[in-house]
Amino acid sequence: MFGGLSFMVDERMAVAAGRDGDLLVRTDPTEHDALVRRGGVPARMGDHRPMGPGWLTVPSARISDDVELGYWVEVGIGSRRSSG
């Protein structure tokens, strides 16, 4: 999905590892601004299609260590609580 390897939790996508090393993360939309400040980038499908505040891309440089990668995976897993 989205050109990467997706990981599902409770039948919902939590994160997807992109070919370029970036991570697509499903998020709680209410946490969008705080997560952008942490280093997430609003996700896009192509050049002109934003995916909305429930999705962020985390550049590979931001997840180069296990602690930061773990943080973002937990964000994706935790998003299932807010998305119904």
PDB file of N, CA and C in Angstrom:
ATOM      1  N   MET A   1       0.847  -1.190   0.000  1.00  0.00           N
ATOM      2  CA  MET A   1       0.000   0.000   0.000  1.00  0.00           C
ATOM      3  C   MET A   1       0.883   1.241   0.000  1.00  0.00           C
ATOM      4  N   PHE A   2       0.564   2.223  -0.792  1.00  0.00           N
ATOM      5  CA  PHE A   2       1.309   3.467  -0.881  1.00  0.00           C
ATOM      6  C   PHE A   2       2.765   3.238  -1.270  1.00  0.00           C
ATOM      7  N   GLY A   3       3.071   2.147  -1.944  1.00  0.00           N
ATOM      8  CA  GLY A   3       4.425   1.895  -2.420  1.00  0.00           C
ATOM      9  C   GLY A   3       5.381   1.419  -1.349  1.00  0.00           C
ATOM     10  N   GLY A   4       4.868   0.882  -0.258  1.00  0.00           N
ATOM     11  CA  GLY A   4       5.745   0.407   0.812  1.00  0.00           C
ATOM     12  C   GLY A   4       5.174  -0.833   1.456  1.00  0.00           C
ATOM     13  N   LEU A   5       5.755  -1.196   2.573  1.00  0.00           N
ATOM     14  CA  LEU A   5       5.323  -2.355   3.339  1.00  0.00           C
ATOM     15  C   LEU A   5       4.503  -1.856   4.518  1.00  0.00           C
ATOM     16  N   SER A   6       3.218  -2.214   4.549  1.00  0.00           N
ATOM     17  CA  SER A   6       2.306  -1.713   5.571  1.00  0.00           C
ATOM     18  C   SER A   6       2.202  -2.692   6.732  1.00  0.00           C
ATOM     19  N   PHE A   7       1.970  -2.132   7.919  1.00  0.00           N
ATOM     20  CA  PHE A   7       1.781  -2.927   9.123  1.00  0.00           C
ATOM     21  C   PHE A   7       0.423  -2.571   9.714  1.00  0.00           C
ATOM     22  N   MET A   8      -0.391  -3.607   9.908  1.00  0.00           N
ATOM     23  CA  MET A   8      -1.755  -3.429  10.373  1.00  0.00           C
ATOM     24  C   MET A   8      -1.863  -3.810  11.849  1.00  0.00           C
ATOM     25  N   VAL A   9      -2.741  -3.091  12.563  1.00  0.00           N
ATOM     26  CA  VAL A   9      -3.081  -3.408  13.945  1.00  0.00           C
ATOM     27  C   VAL A   9      -4.591  -3.283  14.046  1.00  0.00           C
ATOM     28  N   ASP A  10      -5.242  -4.312  14.556  1.00  0.00           N
ATOM     29  CA  ASP A  10      -6.704  -4.311  14.662  1.00  0.00           C
ATOM     30  C   ASP A  10      -7.357  -3.973  13.325  1.00  0.00           C
ATOM     31  N   GLU A  11      -6.844  -4.557  12.256  1.00  0.00           N
ATOM     32  CA  GLU A  11      -7.376  -4.403  10.904  1.00  0.00           C
ATOM     33  C   GLU A  11      -7.287  -2.980  10.354  1.00  0.00           C
ATOM     34  N   ARG A  12      -6.398  -2.176  10.900  1.00  0.00           N
ATOM     35  CA  ARG A  12      -6.172  -0.816  10.398  1.00  0.00           C
ATOM     36  C   ARG A  12      -4.682  -0.614  10.207  1.00  0.00           C
ATOM     37  N   MET A  13      -4.350   0.117   9.155  1.00  0.00           N
ATOM     38  CA  MET A  13      -2.946   0.400   8.937  1.00  0.00           C
ATOM     39  C   MET A  13      -2.434   1.328  10.034  1.00  0.00           C
ATOM     40  N   ALA A  14      -1.309   0.950  10.626  1.00  0.00           N
ATOM     41  CA  ALA A  14      -0.669   1.780  11.646  1.00  0.00           C
ATOM     42  C   ALA A  14       0.479   2.568  11.030  1.00  0.00           C
ATOM     43  N   VAL A  15       1.352   1.875  10.311  1.00  0.00           N
ATOM     44  CA  VAL A  15       2.495   2.508   9.646  1.00  0.00           C
ATOM     45  C   VAL A  15       2.781   1.774   8.351  1.00  0.00           C
ATOM     46  N   ALA A  16       3.486   2.460   7.464  1.00  0.00           N
ATOM     47  CA  ALA A  16       3.952   1.840   6.225  1.00  0.00           C
ATOM     48  C   ALA A  16       5.382   2.312   5.982  1.00  0.00           C
ATOM     49  N   ALA A  17       6.270   1.372   5.796  1.00  0.00           N
ATOM     50  CA  ALA A  17       7.664   1.688   5.499  1.00  0.00           C
ATOM     51  C   ALA A  17       7.796   1.918   4.005  1.00  0.00           C
ATOM     52  N   GLY A  18       8.248   3.099   3.638  1.00  0.00           N
ATOM     53  CA  GLY A  18       8.414   3.441   2.232  1.00  0.00           C
ATOM     54  C   GLY A  18       9.723   2.935   1.669  1.00  0.00           C
ATOM     55  N   ARG A  19       9.788   2.801   0.376  1.00  0.00           N
ATOM     56  CA  ARG A  19      11.012   2.349  -0.298  1.00  0.00           C
ATOM     57  C   ARG A  19      12.190   3.271  -0.045  1.00  0.00           C
ATOM     58  N   ASP A  20      11.892   4.548   0.181  1.00  0.00           N
ATOM     59  CA  ASP A  20      12.957   5.530   0.392  1.00  0.00           C
ATOM     60  C   ASP A  20      13.382   5.643   1.854  1.00  0.00           C
ATOM     61  N   GLY A  21      12.773   4.837   2.727  1.00  0.00           N
ATOM     62  CA  GLY A  21      13.130   4.859   4.144  1.00  0.00           C
ATOM     63  C   GLY A  21      12.235   5.727   4.995  1.00  0.00           C
ATOM     64  N   ASP A  22      11.351   6.502   4.357  1.00  0.00           N
ATOM     65  CA  ASP A  22      10.394   7.300   5.116  1.00  0.00           C
ATOM     66  C   ASP A  22       9.326   6.385   5.707  1.00  0.00           C
ATOM     67  N   LEU A  23       8.616   6.880   6.707  1.00  0.00           N
ATOM     68  CA  LEU A  23       7.577   6.106   7.362  1.00  0.00           C
ATOM     69  C   LEU A  23       6.262   6.870   7.270  1.00  0.00           C
ATOM     70  N   LEU A  24       5.242   6.249   6.706  1.00  0.00           N
ATOM     71  CA  LEU A  24       3.908   6.811   6.686  1.00  0.00           C
ATOM     72  C   LEU A  24       3.231   6.365   7.969  1.00  0.00           C
ATOM     73  N   VAL A  25       2.691   7.306   8.730  1.00  0.00           N
ATOM     74  CA  VAL A  25       2.136   7.000  10.051  1.00  0.00           C
ATOM     75  C   VAL A  25       0.694   7.482  10.132  1.00  0.00           C
ATOM     76  N   ARG A  26      -0.180   6.570  10.543  1.00  0.00           N
ATOM     77  CA  ARG A  26      -1.556   6.983  10.838  1.00  0.00           C
ATOM     78  C   ARG A  26      -1.530   7.651  12.202  1.00  0.00           C
ATOM     79  N   THR A  27      -2.235   8.773  12.336  1.00  0.00           N
ATOM     80  CA  THR A  27      -2.173   9.531  13.583  1.00  0.00           C
ATOM     81  C   THR A  27      -3.566   9.899  14.079  1.00  0.00           C
ATOM     82  N   ASP A  28      -3.614  10.308  15.315  1.00  0.00           N
ATOM     83  CA  ASP A  28      -4.805  10.917  15.877  1.00  0.00           C
ATOM     84  C   ASP A  28      -4.838  12.344  15.318  1.00  0.00           C
ATOM     85  N   PRO A  29      -5.859  12.704  14.556  1.00  0.00           N
ATOM     86  CA  PRO A  29      -5.889  14.041  13.962  1.00  0.00           C
ATOM     87  C   PRO A  29      -5.774  15.175  14.978  1.00  0.00           C
ATOM     88  N   THR A  30      -6.211  14.951  16.199  1.00  0.00           N
ATOM     89  CA  THR A  30      -6.122  16.007  17.212  1.00  0.00           C
ATOM     90  C   THR A  30      -4.686  16.253  17.652  1.00  0.00           C
ATOM     91  N   GLU A  31      -3.781  15.334  17.346  1.00  0.00           N
ATOM     92  CA  GLU A  31      -2.368  15.471  17.705  1.00  0.00           C
ATOM     93  C   GLU A  31      -1.514  15.982  16.546  1.00  0.00           C
ATOM     94  N   HIS A  32      -2.158  16.306  15.432  1.00  0.00           N
ATOM     95  CA  HIS A  32      -1.457  16.658  14.195  1.00  0.00           C
ATOM     96  C   HIS A  32      -0.386  17.736  14.394  1.00  0.00           C
ATOM     97  N   ASP A  33      -0.754  18.858  14.964  1.00  0.00           N
ATOM     98  CA  ASP A  33       0.202  19.965  15.092  1.00  0.00           C
ATOM     99  C   ASP A  33       1.394  19.599  15.968  1.00  0.00           C
ATOM    100  N   ALA A  34       1.143  18.916  17.074  1.00  0.00           N
ATOM    101  CA  ALA A  34       2.237  18.501  17.967  1.00  0.00           C
ATOM    102  C   ALA A  34       3.163  17.517  17.266  1.00  0.00           C
ATOM    103  N   LEU A  35       2.606  16.622  16.475  1.00  0.00           N
ATOM    104  CA  LEU A  35       3.431  15.636  15.774  1.00  0.00           C
ATOM    105  C   LEU A  35       4.231  16.279  14.638  1.00  0.00           C
ATOM    106  N   VAL A  36       3.681  17.301  14.015  1.00  0.00           N
ATOM    107  CA  VAL A  36       4.447  18.041  13.003  1.00  0.00           C
ATOM    108  C   VAL A  36       5.630  18.735  13.676  1.00  0.00           C
ATOM    109  N   ARG A  37       5.403  19.306  14.847  1.00  0.00           N
ATOM    110  CA  ARG A  37       6.513  19.938  15.579  1.00  0.00           C
ATOM    111  C   ARG A  37       7.576  18.912  15.964  1.00  0.00           C
ATOM    112  N   ARG A  38       7.179  17.668  16.152  1.00  0.00           N
ATOM    113  CA  ARG A  38       8.122  16.600  16.508  1.00  0.00           C
ATOM    114  C   ARG A  38       8.930  16.136  15.294  1.00  0.00           C
ATOM    115  N   GLY A  39       8.506  16.484  14.100  1.00  0.00           N
ATOM    116  CA  GLY A  39       9.264  16.116  12.909  1.00  0.00           C
ATOM    117  C   GLY A  39       8.482  15.441  11.813  1.00  0.00           C
ATOM    118  N   GLY A  40       7.193  15.174  12.051  1.00  0.00           N
ATOM    119  CA  GLY A  40       6.361  14.605  11.006  1.00  0.00           C
ATOM    120  C   GLY A  40       6.051  15.658   9.950  1.00  0.00           C
ATOM    121  N   VAL A  41       5.752  15.199   8.765  1.00  0.00           N
ATOM    122  CA  VAL A  41       5.436  16.073   7.635  1.00  0.00           C
ATOM    123  C   VAL A  41       4.059  15.664   7.125  1.00  0.00           C
ATOM    124  N   PRO A  42       3.161  16.613   6.852  1.00  0.00           N
ATOM    125  CA  PRO A  42       1.859  16.221   6.311  1.00  0.00           C
ATOM    126  C   PRO A  42       2.024  15.300   5.096  1.00  0.00           C
ATOM    127  N   ALA A  43       1.335  14.160   5.154  1.00  0.00           N
ATOM    128  CA  ALA A  43       1.459  13.150   4.094  1.00  0.00           C
ATOM    129  C   ALA A  43       0.671  13.577   2.861  1.00  0.00           C
ATOM    130  N   ARG A  44       1.173  13.169   1.712  1.00  0.00           N
ATOM    131  CA  ARG A  44       0.548  13.512   0.432  1.00  0.00           C
ATOM    132  C   ARG A  44       0.484  12.267  -0.451  1.00  0.00           C
ATOM    133  N   MET A  45      -0.540  12.227  -1.268  1.00  0.00           N
ATOM    134  CA  MET A  45      -0.647  11.206  -2.317  1.00  0.00           C
ATOM    135  C   MET A  45      -0.408  11.939  -3.625  1.00  0.00           C
ATOM    136  N   GLY A  46       0.797  11.914  -4.090  1.00  0.00           N
ATOM    137  CA  GLY A  46       1.151  12.675  -5.274  1.00  0.00           C
ATOM    138  C   GLY A  46       1.455  14.112  -4.895  1.00  0.00           C
ATOM    139  N   ASP A  47       1.624  14.939  -5.882  1.00  0.00           N
ATOM    140  CA  ASP A  47       2.020  16.318  -5.641  1.00  0.00           C
ATOM    141  C   ASP A  47       0.924  17.201  -5.076  1.00  0.00           C
ATOM    142  N   HIS A  48      -0.314  16.910  -5.388  1.00  0.00           N
ATOM    143  CA  HIS A  48      -1.384  17.853  -5.063  1.00  0.00           C
ATOM    144  C   HIS A  48      -2.527  17.249  -4.255  1.00  0.00           C
ATOM    145  N   ARG A  49      -2.290  16.114  -3.602  1.00  0.00           N
ATOM    146  CA  ARG A  49      -3.368  15.481  -2.847  1.00  0.00           C
ATOM    147  C   ARG A  49      -2.942  15.223  -1.408  1.00  0.00           C
ATOM    148  N   PRO A  50      -3.229  16.139  -0.492  1.00  0.00           N
ATOM    149  CA  PRO A  50      -2.914  15.898   0.911  1.00  0.00           C
ATOM    150  C   PRO A  50      -3.784  14.763   1.448  1.00  0.00           C
ATOM    151  N   MET A  51      -3.232  13.972   2.331  1.00  0.00           N
ATOM    152  CA  MET A  51      -3.974  12.854   2.904  1.00  0.00           C
ATOM    153  C   MET A  51      -4.809  13.277   4.111  1.00  0.00           C
ATOM    154  N   GLY A  52      -4.570  14.465   4.631  1.00  0.00           N
ATOM    155  CA  GLY A  52      -5.351  14.954   5.759  1.00  0.00           C
ATOM    156  C   GLY A  52      -4.602  14.824   7.068  1.00  0.00           C
ATOM    157  N   PRO A  53      -5.179  15.395   8.120  1.00  0.00           N
ATOM    158  CA  PRO A  53      -4.479  15.453   9.408  1.00  0.00           C
ATOM    159  C   PRO A  53      -4.355  14.116  10.125  1.00  0.00           C
ATOM    160  N   GLY A  54      -4.907  13.051   9.598  1.00  0.00           N
ATOM    161  CA  GLY A  54      -4.762  11.733  10.204  1.00  0.00           C
ATOM    162  C   GLY A  54      -3.562  10.957   9.693  1.00  0.00           C
ATOM    163  N   TRP A  55      -2.731  11.604   8.862  1.00  0.00           N
ATOM    164  CA  TRP A  55      -1.584  10.916   8.258  1.00  0.00           C
ATOM    165  C   TRP A  55      -0.375  11.841   8.229  1.00  0.00           C
ATOM    166  N   LEU A  56       0.769  11.293   8.592  1.00  0.00           N
ATOM    167  CA  LEU A  56       2.032  12.023   8.502  1.00  0.00           C
ATOM    168  C   LEU A  56       3.081  11.142   7.864  1.00  0.00           C
ATOM    169  N   THR A  57       4.022  11.765   7.208  1.00  0.00           N
ATOM    170  CA  THR A  57       5.214  11.084   6.743  1.00  0.00           C
ATOM    171  C   THR A  57       6.357  11.508   7.660  1.00  0.00           C
ATOM    172  N   VAL A  58       7.111  10.535   8.111  1.00  0.00           N
ATOM    173  CA  VAL A  58       8.279  10.838   8.939  1.00  0.00           C
ATOM    174  C   VAL A  58       9.512  10.552   8.085  1.00  0.00           C
ATOM    175  N   PRO A  59      10.291  11.575   7.774  1.00  0.00           N
ATOM    176  CA  PRO A  59      11.478  11.380   6.939  1.00  0.00           C
ATOM    177  C   PRO A  59      12.460  10.402   7.579  1.00  0.00           C
ATOM    178  N   SER A  60      13.128   9.648   6.740  1.00  0.00           N
ATOM    179  CA  SER A  60      14.051   8.616   7.228  1.00  0.00           C
ATOM    180  C   SER A  60      15.107   9.169   8.174  1.00  0.00           C
ATOM    181  N   ALA A  61      15.542  10.395   7.969  1.00  0.00           N
ATOM    182  CA  ALA A  61      16.554  10.990   8.850  1.00  0.00           C
ATOM    183  C   ALA A  61      16.037  11.149  10.280  1.00  0.00           C
ATOM    184  N   ARG A  62      14.717  11.287  10.452  1.00  0.00           N
ATOM    185  CA  ARG A  62      14.125  11.452  11.789  1.00  0.00           C
ATOM    186  C   ARG A  62      14.012  10.130  12.540  1.00  0.00           C
ATOM    187  N   ILE A  63      14.067   9.011  11.819  1.00  0.00           N
ATOM    188  CA  ILE A  63      13.871   7.705  12.451  1.00  0.00           C
ATOM    189  C   ILE A  63      15.111   6.834  12.326  1.00  0.00           C
ATOM    190  N   SER A  64      16.270   7.468  12.360  1.00  0.00           N
ATOM    191  CA  SER A  64      17.515   6.731  12.170  1.00  0.00           C
ATOM    192  C   SER A  64      17.957   5.966  13.418  1.00  0.00           C
ATOM    193  N   ASP A  65      17.308   6.217  14.564  1.00  0.00           N
ATOM    194  CA  ASP A  65      17.646   5.434  15.753  1.00  0.00           C
ATOM    195  C   ASP A  65      16.399   4.710  16.257  1.00  0.00           C
ATOM    196  N   ASP A  66      16.615   3.648  17.014  1.00  0.00           N
ATOM    197  CA  ASP A  66      15.520   2.795  17.467  1.00  0.00           C
ATOM    198  C   ASP A  66      14.519   3.526  18.356  1.00  0.00           C
ATOM    199  N   VAL A  67      14.982   4.453  19.171  1.00  0.00           N
ATOM    200  CA  VAL A  67      14.083   5.170  20.079  1.00  0.00           C
ATOM    201  C   VAL A  67      13.083   6.001  19.283  1.00  0.00           C
ATOM    202  N   GLU A  68      13.572   6.758  18.326  1.00  0.00           N
ATOM    203  CA  GLU A  68      12.675   7.611  17.532  1.00  0.00           C
ATOM    204  C   GLU A  68      11.762   6.765  16.646  1.00  0.00           C
ATOM    205  N   LEU A  69      12.288   5.715  16.048  1.00  0.00           N
ATOM    206  CA  LEU A  69      11.457   4.818  15.247  1.00  0.00           C
ATOM    207  C   LEU A  69      10.358   4.226  16.121  1.00  0.00           C
ATOM    208  N   GLY A  70      10.721   3.776  17.315  1.00  0.00           N
ATOM    209  CA  GLY A  70       9.738   3.206  18.238  1.00  0.00           C
ATOM    210  C   GLY A  70       8.650   4.196  18.602  1.00  0.00           C
ATOM    211  N   TYR A  71       9.026   5.442  18.801  1.00  0.00           N
ATOM    212  CA  TYR A  71       8.049   6.486  19.116  1.00  0.00           C
ATOM    213  C   TYR A  71       6.995   6.576  18.015  1.00  0.00           C
ATOM    214  N   TRP A  72       7.448   6.660  16.767  1.00  0.00           N
ATOM    215  CA  TRP A  72       6.516   6.840  15.654  1.00  0.00           C
ATOM    216  C   TRP A  72       5.680   5.596  15.403  1.00  0.00           C
ATOM    217  N   VAL A  73       6.241   4.419  15.615  1.00  0.00           N
ATOM    218  CA  VAL A  73       5.439   3.193  15.489  1.00  0.00           C
ATOM    219  C   VAL A  73       4.340   3.201  16.548  1.00  0.00           C
ATOM    220  N   GLU A  74       4.663   3.622  17.762  1.00  0.00           N
ATOM    221  CA  GLU A  74       3.653   3.718  18.824  1.00  0.00           C
ATOM    222  C   GLU A  74       2.571   4.739  18.477  1.00  0.00           C
ATOM    223  N   VAL A  75       2.941   5.828  17.836  1.00  0.00           N
ATOM    224  CA  VAL A  75       1.941   6.800  17.385  1.00  0.00           C
ATOM    225  C   VAL A  75       0.965   6.111  16.438  1.00  0.00           C
ATOM    226  N   GLY A  76       1.491   5.353  15.488  1.00  0.00           N
ATOM    227  CA  GLY A  76       0.637   4.651  14.533  1.00  0.00           C
ATOM    228  C   GLY A  76      -0.248   3.617  15.200  1.00  0.00           C
ATOM    229  N   ILE A  77       0.307   2.858  16.124  1.00  0.00           N
ATOM    230  CA  ILE A  77      -0.483   1.862  16.843  1.00  0.00           C
ATOM    231  C   ILE A  77      -1.554   2.538  17.687  1.00  0.00           C
ATOM    232  N   GLY A  78      -1.198   3.617  18.359  1.00  0.00           N
ATOM    233  CA  GLY A  78      -2.128   4.336  19.220  1.00  0.00           C
ATOM    234  C   GLY A  78      -3.247   5.020  18.474  1.00  0.00           C
ATOM    235  N   SER A  79      -3.048   5.277  17.195  1.00  0.00           N
ATOM    236  CA  SER A  79      -4.072   5.993  16.422  1.00  0.00           C
ATOM    237  C   SER A  79      -5.368   5.205  16.317  1.00  0.00           C
ATOM    238  N   ARG A  80      -5.321   3.909  16.471  1.00  0.00           N
ATOM    239  CA  ARG A  80      -6.539   3.108  16.335  1.00  0.00           C
ATOM    240  C   ARG A  80      -7.553   3.444  17.423  1.00  0.00           C
ATOM    241  N   ARG A  81      -7.085   3.964  18.560  1.00  0.00           N
ATOM    242  CA  ARG A  81      -8.004   4.342  19.643  1.00  0.00           C
ATOM    243  C   ARG A  81      -8.829   5.567  19.282  1.00  0.00           C
ATOM    244  N   SER A  82      -8.262   6.445  18.460  1.00  0.00           N
ATOM    245  CA  SER A  82      -8.960   7.691  18.136  1.00  0.00           C
ATOM    246  C   SER A  82      -9.752   7.611  16.842  1.00  0.00           C
ATOM    247  N   SER A  83      -9.502   6.578  16.042  1.00  0.00           N
ATOM    248  CA  SER A  83     -10.136   6.535  14.723  1.00  0.00           C
ATOM    249  C   SER A  83     -11.383   5.659  14.673  1.00  0.00           C
ATOM    250  N   GLY A  84     -11.875   5.294  15.818  1.00  0.00           N
ATOM    251  CA  GLY A  84     -13.142   4.580  15.860  1.00  0.00           C
ATOM    252  C   GLY A  84     -12.992   3.174  15.527  1.00  0.00           C
TER     253      GLY A  84
END
